[in-house]
């Protein structure tokens, strides 16, 4: 697709020649809108080559932080429950 676009071909001319390899629409041609979305995504990746990896790393760090906070909160809840049970049995 990129080669054809560079040679001056339009998306509308290229669209019937493209075939979706997998999924629900396997064997069919993608819509013109899908092709434009894919080209826009490609241009973004070319303009900001490290952005996707950096976003993935940031997301992983946020998930790890959330897991740590959840684990600490769960540990606190367990300790509080045990303390309450001990206090109630003592009375």
PDB file of N, CA and C in Angstrom:
ATOM      1  N   UNK A   1       0.825  -1.182   0.000  1.00  0.00           N
ATOM      2  CA  UNK A   1       0.000   0.000   0.000  1.00  0.00           C
ATOM      3  C   UNK A   1       0.871   1.247   0.000  1.00  0.00           C
ATOM      4  N   UNK A   2       1.897   1.272   0.851  1.00  0.00           N
ATOM      5  CA  UNK A   2       2.757   2.451   0.923  1.00  0.00           C
ATOM      6  C   UNK A   2       3.485   2.681  -0.397  1.00  0.00           C
ATOM      7  N   UNK A   3       3.918   1.597  -1.021  1.00  0.00           N
ATOM      8  CA  UNK A   3       4.604   1.702  -2.306  1.00  0.00           C
ATOM      9  C   UNK A   3       3.674   2.296  -3.359  1.00  0.00           C
ATOM     10  N   UNK A   4       2.456   1.803  -3.406  1.00  0.00           N
ATOM     11  CA  UNK A   4       1.495   2.306  -4.389  1.00  0.00           C
ATOM     12  C   UNK A   4       1.147   3.758  -4.138  1.00  0.00           C
ATOM     13  N   UNK A   5       1.031   4.127  -2.875  1.00  0.00           N
ATOM     14  CA  UNK A   5       0.729   5.515  -2.545  1.00  0.00           C
ATOM     15  C   UNK A   5       1.892   6.410  -2.952  1.00  0.00           C
ATOM     16  N   UNK A   6       3.124   5.944  -2.726  1.00  0.00           N
ATOM     17  CA  UNK A   6       4.302   6.719  -3.107  1.00  0.00           C
ATOM     18  C   UNK A   6       4.387   6.889  -4.620  1.00  0.00           C
ATOM     19  N   UNK A   7       3.895   5.925  -5.358  1.00  0.00           N
ATOM     20  CA  UNK A   7       3.916   6.002  -6.824  1.00  0.00           C
ATOM     21  C   UNK A   7       2.735   6.802  -7.378  1.00  0.00           C
ATOM     22  N   UNK A   8       1.887   7.314  -6.510  1.00  0.00           N
ATOM     23  CA  UNK A   8       0.795   8.171  -6.945  1.00  0.00           C
ATOM     24  C   UNK A   8      -0.554   7.484  -7.034  1.00  0.00           C
ATOM     25  N   UNK A   9      -0.646   6.243  -6.630  1.00  0.00           N
ATOM     26  CA  UNK A   9      -1.926   5.540  -6.654  1.00  0.00           C
ATOM     27  C   UNK A   9      -2.834   6.018  -5.544  1.00  0.00           C
ATOM     28  N   UNK A  10      -4.123   5.992  -5.795  1.00  0.00           N
ATOM     29  CA  UNK A  10      -5.067   6.419  -4.758  1.00  0.00           C
ATOM     30  C   UNK A  10      -5.487   5.215  -3.915  1.00  0.00           C
ATOM     31  N   UNK A  11      -5.975   5.514  -2.748  1.00  0.00           N
ATOM     32  CA  UNK A  11      -6.451   4.467  -1.841  1.00  0.00           C
ATOM     33  C   UNK A  11      -7.634   3.742  -2.481  1.00  0.00           C
ATOM     34  N   UNK A  12      -8.499   4.492  -3.137  1.00  0.00           N
ATOM     35  CA  UNK A  12      -9.675   3.896  -3.767  1.00  0.00           C
ATOM     36  C   UNK A  12      -9.286   2.893  -4.855  1.00  0.00           C
ATOM     37  N   UNK A  13      -8.201   3.186  -5.590  1.00  0.00           N
ATOM     38  CA  UNK A  13      -7.744   2.262  -6.629  1.00  0.00           C
ATOM     39  C   UNK A  13      -7.106   1.016  -6.035  1.00  0.00           C
ATOM     40  N   UNK A  14      -6.433   1.165  -4.920  1.00  0.00           N
ATOM     41  CA  UNK A  14      -5.709   0.069  -4.294  1.00  0.00           C
ATOM     42  C   UNK A  14      -6.625  -0.831  -3.474  1.00  0.00           C
ATOM     43  N   UNK A  15      -7.676  -0.290  -2.922  1.00  0.00           N
ATOM     44  CA  UNK A  15      -8.559  -0.996  -1.986  1.00  0.00           C
ATOM     45  C   UNK A  15      -9.031  -2.358  -2.480  1.00  0.00           C
ATOM     46  N   UNK A  16      -9.473  -2.517  -3.722  1.00  0.00           N
ATOM     47  CA  UNK A  16      -9.957  -3.843  -4.136  1.00  0.00           C
ATOM     48  C   UNK A  16      -8.860  -4.912  -4.181  1.00  0.00           C
ATOM     49  N   UNK A  17      -7.594  -4.490  -4.293  1.00  0.00           N
ATOM     50  CA  UNK A  17      -6.491  -5.450  -4.374  1.00  0.00           C
ATOM     51  C   UNK A  17      -6.033  -5.960  -3.006  1.00  0.00           C
ATOM     52  N   UNK A  18      -6.426  -5.279  -1.955  1.00  0.00           N
ATOM     53  CA  UNK A  18      -6.026  -5.684  -0.604  1.00  0.00           C
ATOM     54  C   UNK A  18      -7.001  -6.719  -0.071  1.00  0.00           C
ATOM     55  N   UNK A  19      -6.490  -7.659   0.719  1.00  0.00           N
ATOM     56  CA  UNK A  19      -7.328  -8.718   1.284  1.00  0.00           C
ATOM     57  C   UNK A  19      -7.024  -8.861   2.769  1.00  0.00           C
ATOM     58  N   UNK A  20      -8.051  -8.942   3.568  1.00  0.00           N
ATOM     59  CA  UNK A  20      -7.903  -9.136   5.009  1.00  0.00           C
ATOM     60  C   UNK A  20      -7.519 -10.600   5.252  1.00  0.00           C
ATOM     61  N   UNK A  21      -6.362 -10.858   5.923  1.00  0.00           N
ATOM     62  CA  UNK A  21      -5.868 -12.229   6.063  1.00  0.00           C
ATOM     63  C   UNK A  21      -6.543 -13.068   7.148  1.00  0.00           C
ATOM     64  N   UNK A  22      -7.048 -12.441   8.208  1.00  0.00           N
ATOM     65  CA  UNK A  22      -7.618 -13.210   9.317  1.00  0.00           C
ATOM     66  C   UNK A  22      -8.857 -12.515   9.856  1.00  0.00           C
ATOM     67  N   UNK A  23      -9.580 -13.226  10.697  1.00  0.00           N
ATOM     68  CA  UNK A  23     -10.707 -12.628  11.404  1.00  0.00           C
ATOM     69  C   UNK A  23     -12.033 -12.820  10.707  1.00  0.00           C
ATOM     70  N   UNK A  24     -13.012 -12.104  11.201  1.00  0.00           N
ATOM     71  CA  UNK A  24     -14.391 -12.231  10.740  1.00  0.00           C
ATOM     72  C   UNK A  24     -14.536 -11.901   9.252  1.00  0.00           C
ATOM     73  N   UNK A  25     -13.776 -10.926   8.783  1.00  0.00           N
ATOM     74  CA  UNK A  25     -13.866 -10.497   7.385  1.00  0.00           C
ATOM     75  C   UNK A  25     -12.742 -11.067   6.527  1.00  0.00           C
ATOM     76  N   UNK A  26     -12.228 -12.210   6.921  1.00  0.00           N
ATOM     77  CA  UNK A  26     -11.130 -12.862   6.198  1.00  0.00           C
ATOM     78  C   UNK A  26     -11.505 -13.046   4.720  1.00  0.00           C
ATOM     79  N   UNK A  27     -10.565 -12.674   3.842  1.00  0.00           N
ATOM     80  CA  UNK A  27     -10.765 -12.834   2.411  1.00  0.00           C
ATOM     81  C   UNK A  27     -11.455 -11.665   1.736  1.00  0.00           C
ATOM     82  N   UNK A  28     -11.929 -10.707   2.509  1.00  0.00           N
ATOM     83  CA  UNK A  28     -12.607  -9.540   1.943  1.00  0.00           C
ATOM     84  C   UNK A  28     -11.637  -8.369   1.876  1.00  0.00           C
ATOM     85  N   UNK A  29     -12.000  -7.367   1.109  1.00  0.00           N
ATOM     86  CA  UNK A  29     -11.188  -6.153   1.013  1.00  0.00           C
ATOM     87  C   UNK A  29     -11.539  -5.233   2.188  1.00  0.00           C
ATOM     88  N   UNK A  30     -10.548  -4.553   2.763  1.00  0.00           N
ATOM     89  CA  UNK A  30     -10.848  -3.609   3.848  1.00  0.00           C
ATOM     90  C   UNK A  30     -11.569  -2.381   3.293  1.00  0.00           C
ATOM     91  N   UNK A  31     -12.278  -1.696   4.147  1.00  0.00           N
ATOM     92  CA  UNK A  31     -12.949  -0.472   3.715  1.00  0.00           C
ATOM     93  C   UNK A  31     -11.909   0.618   3.482  1.00  0.00           C
ATOM     94  N   UNK A  32     -12.298   1.611   2.703  1.00  0.00           N
ATOM     95  CA  UNK A  32     -11.401   2.736   2.431  1.00  0.00           C
ATOM     96  C   UNK A  32     -11.058   3.441   3.740  1.00  0.00           C
ATOM     97  N   UNK A  33     -12.032   3.569   4.641  1.00  0.00           N
ATOM     98  CA  UNK A  33     -11.793   4.212   5.933  1.00  0.00           C
ATOM     99  C   UNK A  33     -10.747   3.446   6.743  1.00  0.00           C
ATOM    100  N   UNK A  34     -10.817   2.110   6.704  1.00  0.00           N
ATOM    101  CA  UNK A  34      -9.832   1.294   7.429  1.00  0.00           C
ATOM    102  C   UNK A  34      -8.435   1.502   6.876  1.00  0.00           C
ATOM    103  N   UNK A  35      -8.339   1.634   5.576  1.00  0.00           N
ATOM    104  CA  UNK A  35      -7.027   1.858   4.953  1.00  0.00           C
ATOM    105  C   UNK A  35      -6.479   3.214   5.382  1.00  0.00           C
ATOM    106  N   UNK A  36      -7.330   4.244   5.355  1.00  0.00           N
ATOM    107  CA  UNK A  36      -6.880   5.570   5.797  1.00  0.00           C
ATOM    108  C   UNK A  36      -6.457   5.547   7.269  1.00  0.00           C
ATOM    109  N   UNK A  37      -7.192   4.817   8.127  1.00  0.00           N
ATOM    110  CA  UNK A  37      -6.806   4.712   9.542  1.00  0.00           C
ATOM    111  C   UNK A  37      -5.444   4.040   9.677  1.00  0.00           C
ATOM    112  N   UNK A  38      -5.228   2.979   8.907  1.00  0.00           N
ATOM    113  CA  UNK A  38      -3.949   2.272   8.962  1.00  0.00           C
ATOM    114  C   UNK A  38      -2.806   3.166   8.487  1.00  0.00           C
ATOM    115  N   UNK A  39      -3.049   3.935   7.438  1.00  0.00           N
ATOM    116  CA  UNK A  39      -2.021   4.854   6.952  1.00  0.00           C
ATOM    117  C   UNK A  39      -1.726   5.946   7.979  1.00  0.00           C
ATOM    118  N   UNK A  40      -2.766   6.452   8.639  1.00  0.00           N
ATOM    119  CA  UNK A  40      -2.566   7.474   9.677  1.00  0.00           C
ATOM    120  C   UNK A  40      -1.768   6.899  10.842  1.00  0.00           C
ATOM    121  N   UNK A  41      -2.076   5.671  11.237  1.00  0.00           N
ATOM    122  CA  UNK A  41      -1.324   5.014  12.321  1.00  0.00           C
ATOM    123  C   UNK A  41       0.135   4.837  11.931  1.00  0.00           C
ATOM    124  N   UNK A  42       0.359   4.446  10.686  1.00  0.00           N
ATOM    125  CA  UNK A  42       1.731   4.272  10.205  1.00  0.00           C
ATOM    126  C   UNK A  42       2.487   5.599  10.242  1.00  0.00           C
ATOM    127  N   UNK A  43       1.838   6.671   9.820  1.00  0.00           N
ATOM    128  CA  UNK A  43       2.484   7.995   9.836  1.00  0.00           C
ATOM    129  C   UNK A  43       2.823   8.417  11.262  1.00  0.00           C
ATOM    130  N   UNK A  44       1.935   8.127  12.213  1.00  0.00           N
ATOM    131  CA  UNK A  44       2.222   8.438  13.623  1.00  0.00           C
ATOM    132  C   UNK A  44       3.442   7.674  14.110  1.00  0.00           C
ATOM    133  N   UNK A  45       3.499   6.386  13.773  1.00  0.00           N
ATOM    134  CA  UNK A  45       4.634   5.565  14.203  1.00  0.00           C
ATOM    135  C   UNK A  45       5.942   6.071  13.597  1.00  0.00           C
ATOM    136  N   UNK A  46       5.875   6.521  12.351  1.00  0.00           N
ATOM    137  CA  UNK A  46       7.065   7.051  11.694  1.00  0.00           C
ATOM    138  C   UNK A  46       7.485   8.384  12.314  1.00  0.00           C
ATOM    139  N   UNK A  47       6.523   9.213  12.663  1.00  0.00           N
ATOM    140  CA  UNK A  47       6.813  10.533  13.231  1.00  0.00           C
ATOM    141  C   UNK A  47       7.356  10.436  14.657  1.00  0.00           C
ATOM    142  N   UNK A  48       6.868   9.469  15.426  1.00  0.00           N
ATOM    143  CA  UNK A  48       7.265   9.301  16.824  1.00  0.00           C
ATOM    144  C   UNK A  48       7.674   7.854  17.059  1.00  0.00           C
ATOM    145  N   UNK A  49       8.878   7.458  16.603  1.00  0.00           N
ATOM    146  CA  UNK A  49       9.260   6.041  16.634  1.00  0.00           C
ATOM    147  C   UNK A  49       9.296   5.401  18.016  1.00  0.00           C
ATOM    148  N   UNK A  50       9.667   6.114  19.045  1.00  0.00           N
ATOM    149  CA  UNK A  50       9.772   5.518  20.371  1.00  0.00           C
ATOM    150  C   UNK A  50       8.530   5.683  21.220  1.00  0.00           C
ATOM    151  N   UNK A  51       7.518   6.361  20.705  1.00  0.00           N
ATOM    152  CA  UNK A  51       6.350   6.694  21.518  1.00  0.00           C
ATOM    153  C   UNK A  51       5.565   5.460  21.953  1.00  0.00           C
ATOM    154  N   UNK A  52       5.404   4.498  21.078  1.00  0.00           N
ATOM    155  CA  UNK A  52       4.599   3.318  21.411  1.00  0.00           C
ATOM    156  C   UNK A  52       5.277   2.490  22.489  1.00  0.00           C
ATOM    157  N   UNK A  53       6.589   2.304  22.365  1.00  0.00           N
ATOM    158  CA  UNK A  53       7.310   1.551  23.394  1.00  0.00           C
ATOM    159  C   UNK A  53       7.279   2.289  24.725  1.00  0.00           C
ATOM    160  N   UNK A  54       7.451   3.619  24.671  1.00  0.00           N
ATOM    161  CA  UNK A  54       7.429   4.415  25.900  1.00  0.00           C
ATOM    162  C   UNK A  54       6.047   4.346  26.557  1.00  0.00           C
ATOM    163  N   UNK A  55       4.998   4.415  25.751  1.00  0.00           N
ATOM    164  CA  UNK A  55       3.638   4.324  26.302  1.00  0.00           C
ATOM    165  C   UNK A  55       3.413   2.954  26.929  1.00  0.00           C
ATOM    166  N   UNK A  56       3.917   1.914  26.286  1.00  0.00           N
ATOM    167  CA  UNK A  56       3.792   0.567  26.842  1.00  0.00           C
ATOM    168  C   UNK A  56       4.522   0.439  28.160  1.00  0.00           C
ATOM    169  N   UNK A  57       5.720   1.014  28.235  1.00  0.00           N
ATOM    170  CA  UNK A  57       6.490   0.986  29.484  1.00  0.00           C
ATOM    171  C   UNK A  57       5.774   1.760  30.585  1.00  0.00           C
ATOM    172  N   UNK A  58       5.225   2.935  30.232  1.00  0.00           N
ATOM    173  CA  UNK A  58       4.490   3.732  31.217  1.00  0.00           C
ATOM    174  C   UNK A  58       3.268   2.973  31.722  1.00  0.00           C
ATOM    175  N   UNK A  59       2.558   2.324  30.817  1.00  0.00           N
ATOM    176  CA  UNK A  59       1.369   1.560  31.202  1.00  0.00           C
ATOM    177  C   UNK A  59       1.739   0.413  32.135  1.00  0.00           C
ATOM    178  N   UNK A  60       2.837  -0.293  31.811  1.00  0.00           N
ATOM    179  CA  UNK A  60       3.285  -1.403  32.660  1.00  0.00           C
ATOM    180  C   UNK A  60       3.657  -0.897  34.051  1.00  0.00           C
ATOM    181  N   UNK A  61       4.315   0.258  34.112  1.00  0.00           N
ATOM    182  CA  UNK A  61       4.696   0.827  35.405  1.00  0.00           C
ATOM    183  C   UNK A  61       3.458   1.200  36.225  1.00  0.00           C
ATOM    184  N   UNK A  62       2.444   1.769  35.557  1.00  0.00           N
ATOM    185  CA  UNK A  62       1.210   2.119  36.266  1.00  0.00           C
ATOM    186  C   UNK A  62       0.493   0.873  36.780  1.00  0.00           C
ATOM    187  N   UNK A  63       0.471  -0.186  35.966  1.00  0.00           N
ATOM    188  CA  UNK A  63      -0.161  -1.423  36.416  1.00  0.00           C
ATOM    189  C   UNK A  63       0.572  -2.001  37.617  1.00  0.00           C
ATOM    190  N   UNK A  64       1.892  -1.976  37.577  1.00  0.00           N
ATOM    191  CA  UNK A  64       2.682  -2.505  38.694  1.00  0.00           C
ATOM    192  C   UNK A  64       2.417  -1.691  39.955  1.00  0.00           C
ATOM    193  N   UNK A  65       2.338  -0.367  39.819  1.00  0.00           N
ATOM    194  CA  UNK A  65       2.065   0.490  40.969  1.00  0.00           C
ATOM    195  C   UNK A  65       0.681   0.191  41.535  1.00  0.00           C
ATOM    196  N   UNK A  66      -0.303   0.014  40.636  1.00  0.00           N
ATOM    197  CA  UNK A  66      -1.660  -0.293  41.091  1.00  0.00           C
ATOM    198  C   UNK A  66      -1.713  -1.643  41.799  1.00  0.00           C
ATOM    199  N   UNK A  67      -0.987  -2.625  41.269  1.00  0.00           N
ATOM    200  CA  UNK A  67      -0.964  -3.950  41.912  1.00  0.00           C
ATOM    201  C   UNK A  67      -0.342  -3.863  43.299  1.00  0.00           C
ATOM    202  N   UNK A  68       0.722  -3.086  43.430  1.00  0.00           N
ATOM    203  CA  UNK A  68       1.378  -2.942  44.730  1.00  0.00           C
ATOM    204  C   UNK A  68       0.446  -2.275  45.725  1.00  0.00           C
ATOM    205  N   UNK A  69      -0.261  -1.238  45.279  1.00  0.00           N
ATOM    206  CA  UNK A  69      -1.191  -0.539  46.168  1.00  0.00           C
ATOM    207  C   UNK A  69      -2.345  -1.461  46.562  1.00  0.00           C
ATOM    208  N   UNK A  70      -2.833  -2.251  45.623  1.00  0.00           N
ATOM    209  CA  UNK A  70      -3.920  -3.185  45.917  1.00  0.00           C
ATOM    210  C   UNK A  70      -3.457  -4.255  46.890  1.00  0.00           C
ATOM    211  N   UNK A  71      -2.249  -4.773  46.692  1.00  0.00           N
ATOM    212  CA  UNK A  71      -1.720  -5.800  47.590  1.00  0.00           C
ATOM    213  C   UNK A  71      -1.540  -5.246  48.997  1.00  0.00           C
ATOM    214  N   UNK A  72      -1.038  -4.022  49.117  1.00  0.00           N
ATOM    215  CA  UNK A  72      -0.850  -3.409  50.436  1.00  0.00           C
ATOM    216  C   UNK A  72      -2.200  -3.184  51.109  1.00  0.00           C
ATOM    217  N   UNK A  73      -3.183  -2.729  50.335  1.00  0.00           N
ATOM    218  CA  UNK A  73      -4.508  -2.496  50.881  1.00  0.00           C
ATOM    219  C   UNK A  73      -5.132  -3.813  51.342  1.00  0.00           C
ATOM    220  N   UNK A  74      -4.947  -4.873  50.562  1.00  0.00           N
ATOM    221  CA  UNK A  74      -5.477  -6.184  50.923  1.00  0.00           C
ATOM    222  C   UNK A  74      -4.805  -6.697  52.200  1.00  0.00           C
ATOM    223  N   UNK A  75      -3.481  -6.544  52.296  1.00  0.00           N
ATOM    224  CA  UNK A  75      -2.755  -6.988  53.494  1.00  0.00           C
ATOM    225  C   UNK A  75      -3.253  -6.242  54.731  1.00  0.00           C
ATOM    226  N   UNK A  76      -3.478  -4.948  54.591  1.00  0.00           N
ATOM    227  CA  UNK A  76      -3.979  -4.149  55.703  1.00  0.00           C
ATOM    228  C   UNK A  76      -5.364  -4.640  56.124  1.00  0.00           C
ATOM    229  N   UNK A  77      -6.218  -4.935  55.135  1.00  0.00           N
ATOM    230  CA  UNK A  77      -7.571  -5.419  55.437  1.00  0.00           C
ATOM    231  C   UNK A  77      -7.529  -6.754  56.172  1.00  0.00           C
ATOM    232  N   UNK A  78      -6.647  -7.637  55.770  1.00  0.00           N
ATOM    233  CA  UNK A  78      -6.512  -8.941  56.411  1.00  0.00           C
ATOM    234  C   UNK A  78      -6.047  -8.761  57.847  1.00  0.00           C
ATOM    235  N   UNK A  79      -5.049  -7.924  58.055  1.00  0.00           N
ATOM    236  CA  UNK A  79      -4.550  -7.676  59.411  1.00  0.00           C
ATOM    237  C   UNK A  79      -5.618  -7.054  60.299  1.00  0.00           C
ATOM    238  N   UNK A  80      -6.387  -6.130  59.741  1.00  0.00           N
ATOM    239  CA  UNK A  80      -7.451  -5.498  60.499  1.00  0.00           C
ATOM    240  C   UNK A  80      -8.520  -6.515  60.895  1.00  0.00           C
ATOM    241  N   UNK A  81      -8.869  -7.406  59.985  1.00  0.00           N
ATOM    242  CA  UNK A  81      -9.857  -8.453  60.274  1.00  0.00           C
ATOM    243  C   UNK A  81      -9.357  -9.377  61.375  1.00  0.00           C
ATOM    244  N   UNK A  82      -8.100  -9.777  61.305  1.00  0.00           N
ATOM    245  CA  UNK A  82      -7.519 -10.650  62.339  1.00  0.00           C
ATOM    246  C   UNK A  82      -7.516  -9.939  63.689  1.00  0.00           C
ATOM    247  N   UNK A  83      -7.135  -8.667  63.697  1.00  0.00           N
ATOM    248  CA  UNK A  83      -7.090  -7.904  64.934  1.00  0.00           C
ATOM    249  C   UNK A  83      -8.488  -7.818  65.554  1.00  0.00           C
ATOM    250  N   UNK A  84      -9.500  -7.571  64.725  1.00  0.00           N
ATOM    251  CA  UNK A  84     -10.876  -7.492  65.229  1.00  0.00           C
ATOM    252  C   UNK A  84     -11.321  -8.825  65.827  1.00  0.00           C
ATOM    253  N   UNK A  85     -10.993  -9.927  65.139  1.00  0.00           N
ATOM    254  CA  UNK A  85     -11.385 -11.234  65.646  1.00  0.00           C
ATOM    255  C   UNK A  85     -10.700 -11.513  66.973  1.00  0.00           C
ATOM    256  N   UNK A  86      -9.420 -11.189  67.093  1.00  0.00           N
ATOM    257  CA  UNK A  86      -8.704 -11.391  68.351  1.00  0.00           C
ATOM    258  C   UNK A  86      -9.306 -10.537  69.458  1.00  0.00           C
ATOM    259  N   UNK A  87      -9.641  -9.297  69.137  1.00  0.00           N
ATOM    260  CA  UNK A  87     -10.205  -8.394  70.130  1.00  0.00           C
ATOM    261  C   UNK A  87     -11.573  -8.888  70.588  1.00  0.00           C
ATOM    262  N   UNK A  88     -12.415  -9.373  69.650  1.00  0.00           N
ATOM    263  CA  UNK A  88     -13.738  -9.866  70.011  1.00  0.00           C
ATOM    264  C   UNK A  88     -13.662 -11.128  70.858  1.00  0.00           C
ATOM    265  N   UNK A  89     -12.726 -12.016  70.546  1.00  0.00           N
ATOM    266  CA  UNK A  89     -12.557 -13.259  71.324  1.00  0.00           C
ATOM    267  C   UNK A  89     -12.023 -12.960  72.719  1.00  0.00           C
ATOM    268  N   UNK A  90     -11.318 -11.888  72.863  1.00  0.00           N
ATOM    269  CA  UNK A  90     -10.714 -11.525  74.144  1.00  0.00           C
ATOM    270  C   UNK A  90     -11.780 -10.994  75.092  1.00  0.00           C
ATOM    271  N   UNK A  91     -12.780 -10.349  74.557  1.00  0.00           N
ATOM    272  CA  UNK A  91     -13.785  -9.706  75.405  1.00  0.00           C
ATOM    273  C   UNK A  91     -14.760 -10.668  76.023  1.00  0.00           C
TER     274      UNK A  91
END
